[in-house]
Protein backbone atom coordinates (compact mmCIF):
# COMPACT_ATOMS: atom_id res chain seq x y z
CA VAL A 1 -0.02 0.08 0.12
CA PHE A 2 1.45 3.42 -1.09
CA ARG A 3 0.38 5.88 1.75
CA ASN A 4 0.75 9.68 1.24
CA TYR A 5 -2.37 10.48 3.33
CA GLN A 6 -4.28 11.70 0.47
CA TRP A 7 -6.11 10.78 -2.69
CA GLY A 8 -3.48 12.68 -4.98
CA ALA A 9 -5.31 12.02 -8.19
CA GLU A 10 -8.68 13.42 -7.17
CA LYS A 11 -6.79 16.24 -5.28
CA ARG A 12 -4.88 17.05 -8.39
CA ASN A 13 -7.99 17.23 -10.50
CA THR A 14 -9.94 19.35 -8.02
CA THR A 15 -7.11 21.92 -7.66
CA LEU A 16 -7.11 22.17 -11.50
CA TRP A 17 -10.71 22.57 -11.94
CA TYR A 18 -11.56 24.63 -9.11
CA ASP A 19 -9.03 27.47 -8.62
CA ASP A 20 -6.86 25.53 -6.19
CA ASN A 21 -9.58 24.55 -3.89
CA PHE A 22 -10.01 20.94 -2.70
CA VAL A 23 -12.28 19.09 -0.14
CA GLY A 24 -12.38 15.42 1.00
CA THR A 25 -8.99 14.47 -0.49
CA GLU A 26 -6.84 14.51 2.77
CA LEU A 27 -6.81 11.05 4.38
CA ASN A 28 -6.69 10.37 8.48
CA VAL A 29 -3.22 10.08 9.41
CA GLY A 30 -4.30 7.80 12.39
CA VAL A 31 -5.10 5.02 10.18
CA GLU A 32 -2.29 2.66 9.77
CA TYR A 33 -2.93 -0.13 7.23
CA ALA A 34 -0.06 -2.29 8.62
CA GLU A 35 -1.99 -2.42 11.75
CA VAL A 36 -5.21 -3.09 10.11
CA ALA A 37 -3.58 -6.03 8.34
CA LYS A 38 -2.19 -7.27 11.69
CA ALA A 39 -5.91 -7.05 13.14
CA CYS A 40 -6.97 -9.39 10.02
CA GLY A 41 -4.37 -12.03 10.75
CA LEU A 42 -1.63 -10.92 8.30
CA LYS A 43 1.97 -9.66 8.82
CA GLY A 44 1.84 -5.91 8.65
CA VAL A 45 4.93 -3.99 8.13
CA LYS A 46 5.22 -0.22 7.77
CA VAL A 47 8.23 1.35 6.11
CA SER A 48 9.51 4.84 5.14
CA THR A 49 12.78 4.55 3.57
CA THR A 50 14.26 2.62 0.77
CA ALA A 51 16.37 0.50 2.79
CA GLU A 52 13.33 -0.35 4.85
CA LEU A 53 11.35 -1.26 1.80
CA GLU A 54 13.95 -3.48 0.21
CA LYS A 55 14.29 -5.34 3.52
CA ALA A 56 10.49 -5.49 3.87
CA LEU A 57 9.93 -6.93 0.43
CA ALA A 58 12.65 -9.34 0.69
CA ASP A 59 11.06 -10.57 4.03
CA ALA A 60 7.70 -10.79 2.60
CA ILE A 61 8.88 -12.92 -0.39
CA ASP A 62 10.80 -15.19 2.02
CA GLY A 63 7.55 -15.45 4.24
CA GLN A 64 5.33 -16.22 1.46
CA MET A 65 7.66 -18.92 -0.18
CA GLN A 66 8.90 -20.45 2.89
CA ARG A 67 5.98 -20.31 5.56
CA ASN A 68 3.05 -19.45 3.27
CA GLU A 69 2.85 -16.03 5.16
CA THR A 70 0.93 -13.01 3.48
CA THR A 71 2.48 -9.66 4.32
CA LEU A 72 0.94 -6.24 3.74
CA VAL A 73 3.71 -3.59 3.26
CA GLU A 74 2.69 0.00 4.11
CA VAL A 75 5.04 2.44 2.30
CA VAL A 76 4.78 6.00 3.57
CA LEU A 77 5.32 8.63 1.01
CA ASN A 78 5.60 12.40 1.07
CA GLN A 79 2.38 14.37 -0.22
CA GLU A 80 3.47 15.80 -3.54
CA LEU A 81 0.37 18.42 -3.57
């Protein structure tokens, strides 16, 4: 899950169409998808750097192939808009 705390495409469209105004495109920072995954019985990992992402993906692949373990990786990104 790529996480930048917004619906970027919709936010961009509304800023273009409505003179830089936008409504309803900012997402709640309190929701953590990795934690939701854990609550659903999956492995959930939250990363914010390239190094963390590389390790999380390698671990997720290993977990799937060796232990039949499903992992959700939440990648925290910056907001571009």
